[in-house]
PDB file of N, CA and C in Angstrom:
ATOM      1  N   MET A   1       0.388  -9.557  -5.116  1.00  0.00           N
ATOM      2  CA  MET A   1      -0.360  -8.412  -4.675  1.00  0.00           C
ATOM      3  C   MET A   1      -1.844  -8.568  -4.973  1.00  0.00           C
ATOM      4  N   ALA A   2      -2.175  -9.272  -6.046  1.00  0.00           N
ATOM      5  CA  ALA A   2      -3.584  -9.476  -6.397  1.00  0.00           C
ATOM      6  C   ALA A   2      -4.321 -10.206  -5.280  1.00  0.00           C
ATOM      7  N   GLY A   3      -3.651 -11.168  -4.661  1.00  0.00           N
ATOM      8  CA  GLY A   3      -4.255 -11.903  -3.551  1.00  0.00           C
ATOM      9  C   GLY A   3      -4.521 -11.007  -2.356  1.00  0.00           C
ATOM     10  N   LEU A   4      -3.626 -10.084  -2.095  1.00  0.00           N
ATOM     11  CA  LEU A   4      -3.793  -9.135  -1.001  1.00  0.00           C
ATOM     12  C   LEU A   4      -5.010  -8.254  -1.238  1.00  0.00           C
ATOM     13  N   LEU A   5      -5.152  -7.751  -2.452  1.00  0.00           N
ATOM     14  CA  LEU A   5      -6.295  -6.899  -2.781  1.00  0.00           C
ATOM     15  C   LEU A   5      -7.603  -7.678  -2.748  1.00  0.00           C
ATOM     16  N   ALA A   6      -7.593  -8.899  -3.259  1.00  0.00           N
ATOM     17  CA  ALA A   6      -8.800  -9.724  -3.266  1.00  0.00           C
ATOM     18  C   ALA A   6      -9.240 -10.047  -1.845  1.00  0.00           C
ATOM     19  N   GLY A   7      -8.289 -10.315  -0.975  1.00  0.00           N
ATOM     20  CA  GLY A   7      -8.612 -10.613   0.415  1.00  0.00           C
ATOM     21  C   GLY A   7      -9.139  -9.413   1.173  1.00  0.00           C
ATOM     22  N   ALA A   8      -8.731  -8.218   0.797  1.00  0.00           N
ATOM     23  CA  ALA A   8      -9.152  -7.003   1.494  1.00  0.00           C
ATOM     24  C   ALA A   8     -10.548  -6.550   1.088  1.00  0.00           C
ATOM     25  N   ARG A   9     -10.966  -6.858  -0.113  1.00  0.00           N
ATOM     26  CA  ARG A   9     -12.270  -6.392  -0.602  1.00  0.00           C
ATOM     27  C   ARG A   9     -13.413  -6.976   0.211  1.00  0.00           C
ATOM     28  N   GLY A  10     -14.234  -6.109   0.744  1.00  0.00           N
ATOM     29  CA  GLY A  10     -15.436  -6.529   1.440  1.00  0.00           C
ATOM     30  C   GLY A  10     -15.204  -6.993   2.867  1.00  0.00           C
ATOM     31  N   LYS A  11     -13.975  -7.268   3.275  1.00  0.00           N
ATOM     32  CA  LYS A  11     -13.717  -7.768   4.624  1.00  0.00           C
ATOM     33  C   LYS A  11     -13.164  -6.700   5.557  1.00  0.00           C
ATOM     34  N   TYR A  12     -12.376  -5.793   5.012  1.00  0.00           N
ATOM     35  CA  TYR A  12     -11.678  -4.823   5.837  1.00  0.00           C
ATOM     36  C   TYR A  12     -11.911  -3.405   5.323  1.00  0.00           C
ATOM     37  N   SER A  13     -11.830  -2.448   6.248  1.00  0.00           N
ATOM     38  CA  SER A  13     -11.976  -1.051   5.836  1.00  0.00           C
ATOM     39  C   SER A  13     -10.630  -0.317   5.865  1.00  0.00           C
ATOM     40  N   LEU A  14      -9.593  -0.983   6.380  1.00  0.00           N
ATOM     41  CA  LEU A  14      -8.266  -0.377   6.445  1.00  0.00           C
ATOM     42  C   LEU A  14      -7.213  -1.443   6.201  1.00  0.00           C
ATOM     43  N   LEU A  15      -6.260  -1.117   5.362  1.00  0.00           N
ATOM     44  CA  LEU A  15      -5.139  -2.006   5.062  1.00  0.00           C
ATOM     45  C   LEU A  15      -3.875  -1.335   5.580  1.00  0.00           C
ATOM     46  N   LEU A  16      -3.152  -1.994   6.498  1.00  0.00           N
ATOM     47  CA  LEU A  16      -1.924  -1.458   7.070  1.00  0.00           C
ATOM     48  C   LEU A  16      -0.747  -2.131   6.377  1.00  0.00           C
ATOM     49  N   VAL A  17       0.146  -1.321   5.781  1.00  0.00           N
ATOM     50  CA  VAL A  17       1.258  -1.844   5.002  1.00  0.00           C
ATOM     51  C   VAL A  17       2.566  -1.261   5.524  1.00  0.00           C
ATOM     52  N   GLY A  18       3.511  -2.122   5.860  1.00  0.00           N
ATOM     53  CA  GLY A  18       4.837  -1.678   6.265  1.00  0.00           C
ATOM     54  C   GLY A  18       5.671  -1.368   5.039  1.00  0.00           C
ATOM     55  N   VAL A  19       6.344  -0.225   5.027  1.00  0.00           N
ATOM     56  CA  VAL A  19       7.117   0.212   3.864  1.00  0.00           C
ATOM     57  C   VAL A  19       8.459   0.778   4.302  1.00  0.00           C
ATOM     58  N   SER A  20       9.380   0.859   3.358  1.00  0.00           N
ATOM     59  CA  SER A  20      10.661   1.524   3.549  1.00  0.00           C
ATOM     60  C   SER A  20      10.793   2.602   2.488  1.00  0.00           C
ATOM     61  N   ARG A  21      11.178   3.780   2.912  1.00  0.00           N
ATOM     62  CA  ARG A  21      11.320   4.903   1.984  1.00  0.00           C
ATOM     63  C   ARG A  21      12.511   4.680   1.061  1.00  0.00           C
ATOM     64  N   ARG A  22      12.337   5.016  -0.193  1.00  0.00           N
ATOM     65  CA  ARG A  22      13.409   4.942  -1.183  1.00  0.00           C
ATOM     66  C   ARG A  22      14.139   6.276  -1.240  1.00  0.00           C
ATOM     67  N   VAL A  23      15.412   6.240  -1.503  1.00  0.00           N
ATOM     68  CA  VAL A  23      16.244   7.440  -1.538  1.00  0.00           C
ATOM     69  C   VAL A  23      15.846   8.335  -2.712  1.00  0.00           C
ATOM     70  N   GLY A  24      15.841   9.641  -2.476  1.00  0.00           N
ATOM     71  CA  GLY A  24      15.540  10.603  -3.535  1.00  0.00           C
ATOM     72  C   GLY A  24      14.888  11.845  -2.967  1.00  0.00           C
ATOM     73  N   GLU A  25      14.713  12.840  -3.811  1.00  0.00           N
ATOM     74  CA  GLU A  25      14.104  14.101  -3.387  1.00  0.00           C
ATOM     75  C   GLU A  25      12.610  13.948  -3.113  1.00  0.00           C
ATOM     76  N   ASN A  26      11.932  13.097  -3.889  1.00  0.00           N
ATOM     77  CA  ASN A  26      10.491  12.897  -3.732  1.00  0.00           C
ATOM     78  C   ASN A  26      10.221  11.749  -2.777  1.00  0.00           C
ATOM     79  N   LEU A  27       9.112  11.827  -2.088  1.00  0.00           N
ATOM     80  CA  LEU A  27       8.695  10.746  -1.205  1.00  0.00           C
ATOM     81  C   LEU A  27       8.250   9.569  -2.062  1.00  0.00           C
ATOM     82  N   PHE A  28       8.937   8.426  -1.945  1.00  0.00           N
ATOM     83  CA  PHE A  28       8.643   7.262  -2.780  1.00  0.00           C
ATOM     84  C   PHE A  28       8.896   5.995  -1.978  1.00  0.00           C
ATOM     85  N   PHE A  29       7.950   5.061  -2.015  1.00  0.00           N
ATOM     86  CA  PHE A  29       8.054   3.814  -1.266  1.00  0.00           C
ATOM     87  C   PHE A  29       8.217   2.595  -2.160  1.00  0.00           C
ATOM     88  N   GLY A  30       8.402   2.782  -3.445  1.00  0.00           N
ATOM     89  CA  GLY A  30       8.603   1.665  -4.357  1.00  0.00           C
ATOM     90  C   GLY A  30       7.413   1.453  -5.289  1.00  0.00           C
ATOM     91  N   ASN A  31       7.653   0.710  -6.350  1.00  0.00           N
ATOM     92  CA  ASN A  31       6.625   0.483  -7.373  1.00  0.00           C
ATOM     93  C   ASN A  31       5.469  -0.380  -6.881  1.00  0.00           C
ATOM     94  N   ARG A  32       5.738  -1.377  -6.060  1.00  0.00           N
ATOM     95  CA  ARG A  32       4.642  -2.215  -5.548  1.00  0.00           C
ATOM     96  C   ARG A  32       3.690  -1.414  -4.667  1.00  0.00           C
ATOM     97  N   THR A  33       4.251  -0.587  -3.795  1.00  0.00           N
ATOM     98  CA  THR A  33       3.409   0.253  -2.939  1.00  0.00           C
ATOM     99  C   THR A  33       2.629   1.251  -3.777  1.00  0.00           C
ATOM    100  N   LYS A  34       3.267   1.818  -4.777  1.00  0.00           N
ATOM    101  CA  LYS A  34       2.591   2.758  -5.673  1.00  0.00           C
ATOM    102  C   LYS A  34       1.406   2.088  -6.361  1.00  0.00           C
ATOM    103  N   ALA A  35       1.612   0.869  -6.871  1.00  0.00           N
ATOM    104  CA  ALA A  35       0.533   0.130  -7.539  1.00  0.00           C
ATOM    105  C   ALA A  35      -0.585  -0.204  -6.561  1.00  0.00           C
ATOM    106  N   LEU A  36      -0.236  -0.558  -5.340  1.00  0.00           N
ATOM    107  CA  LEU A  36      -1.236  -0.873  -4.329  1.00  0.00           C
ATOM    108  C   LEU A  36      -2.090   0.345  -4.012  1.00  0.00           C
ATOM    109  N   VAL A  37      -1.451   1.478  -3.813  1.00  0.00           N
ATOM    110  CA  VAL A  37      -2.186   2.716  -3.507  1.00  0.00           C
ATOM    111  C   VAL A  37      -3.105   3.107  -4.658  1.00  0.00           C
ATOM    112  N   GLN A  38      -2.655   2.914  -5.878  1.00  0.00           N
ATOM    113  CA  GLN A  38      -3.457   3.296  -7.040  1.00  0.00           C
ATOM    114  C   GLN A  38      -4.641   2.370  -7.273  1.00  0.00           C
ATOM    115  N   SER A  39      -4.554   1.103  -6.859  1.00  0.00           N
ATOM    116  CA  SER A  39      -5.605   0.150  -7.209  1.00  0.00           C
ATOM    117  C   SER A  39      -6.477  -0.315  -6.045  1.00  0.00           C
ATOM    118  N   CYS A  40      -6.101  -0.007  -4.838  1.00  0.00           N
ATOM    119  CA  CYS A  40      -6.849  -0.497  -3.679  1.00  0.00           C
ATOM    120  C   CYS A  40      -8.130   0.311  -3.476  1.00  0.00           C
ATOM    121  N   THR A  41      -9.204  -0.370  -3.093  1.00  0.00           N
ATOM    122  CA  THR A  41     -10.496   0.295  -2.913  1.00  0.00           C
ATOM    123  C   THR A  41     -10.790   0.593  -1.450  1.00  0.00           C
ATOM    124  N   VAL A  42      -9.936   0.159  -0.536  1.00  0.00           N
ATOM    125  CA  VAL A  42     -10.118   0.462   0.892  1.00  0.00           C
ATOM    126  C   VAL A  42      -9.041   1.456   1.319  1.00  0.00           C
ATOM    127  N   SER A  43      -9.192   2.037   2.502  1.00  0.00           N
ATOM    128  CA  SER A  43      -8.198   2.966   3.015  1.00  0.00           C
ATOM    129  C   SER A  43      -6.897   2.230   3.289  1.00  0.00           C
ATOM    130  N   ILE A  44      -5.777   2.928   3.086  1.00  0.00           N
ATOM    131  CA  ILE A  44      -4.464   2.347   3.302  1.00  0.00           C
ATOM    132  C   ILE A  44      -3.662   3.232   4.243  1.00  0.00           C
ATOM    133  N   MET A  45      -3.010   2.608   5.236  1.00  0.00           N
ATOM    134  CA  MET A  45      -2.079   3.315   6.099  1.00  0.00           C
ATOM    135  C   MET A  45      -0.695   2.741   5.848  1.00  0.00           C
ATOM    136  N   LEU A  46       0.246   3.597   5.459  1.00  0.00           N
ATOM    137  CA  LEU A  46       1.617   3.165   5.224  1.00  0.00           C
ATOM    138  C   LEU A  46       2.423   3.428   6.484  1.00  0.00           C
ATOM    139  N   LEU A  47       3.047   2.385   7.006  1.00  0.00           N
ATOM    140  CA  LEU A  47       3.841   2.489   8.228  1.00  0.00           C
ATOM    141  C   LEU A  47       5.305   2.361   7.840  1.00  0.00           C
ATOM    142  N   SER A  48       6.038   3.466   7.980  1.00  0.00           N
ATOM    143  CA  SER A  48       7.446   3.494   7.582  1.00  0.00           C
ATOM    144  C   SER A  48       8.333   3.313   8.805  1.00  0.00           C
ATOM    145  N   SER A  49       9.339   2.473   8.651  1.00  0.00           N
ATOM    146  CA  SER A  49      10.263   2.250   9.776  1.00  0.00           C
ATOM    147  C   SER A  49      11.462   3.153   9.679  1.00  0.00           C
TER     148      SER A  49
END
């Protein structure tokens, strides 16, 4: 994931990430997606299938 964030810095203004929803009452896409959303400095669009 560090490589993804490093590549996005300064080059792109939007990061599009495909995700799958995890089962539960709360909307959750997994720990990796959570970490990405918390640490990314560009806008992120999550595309759920």
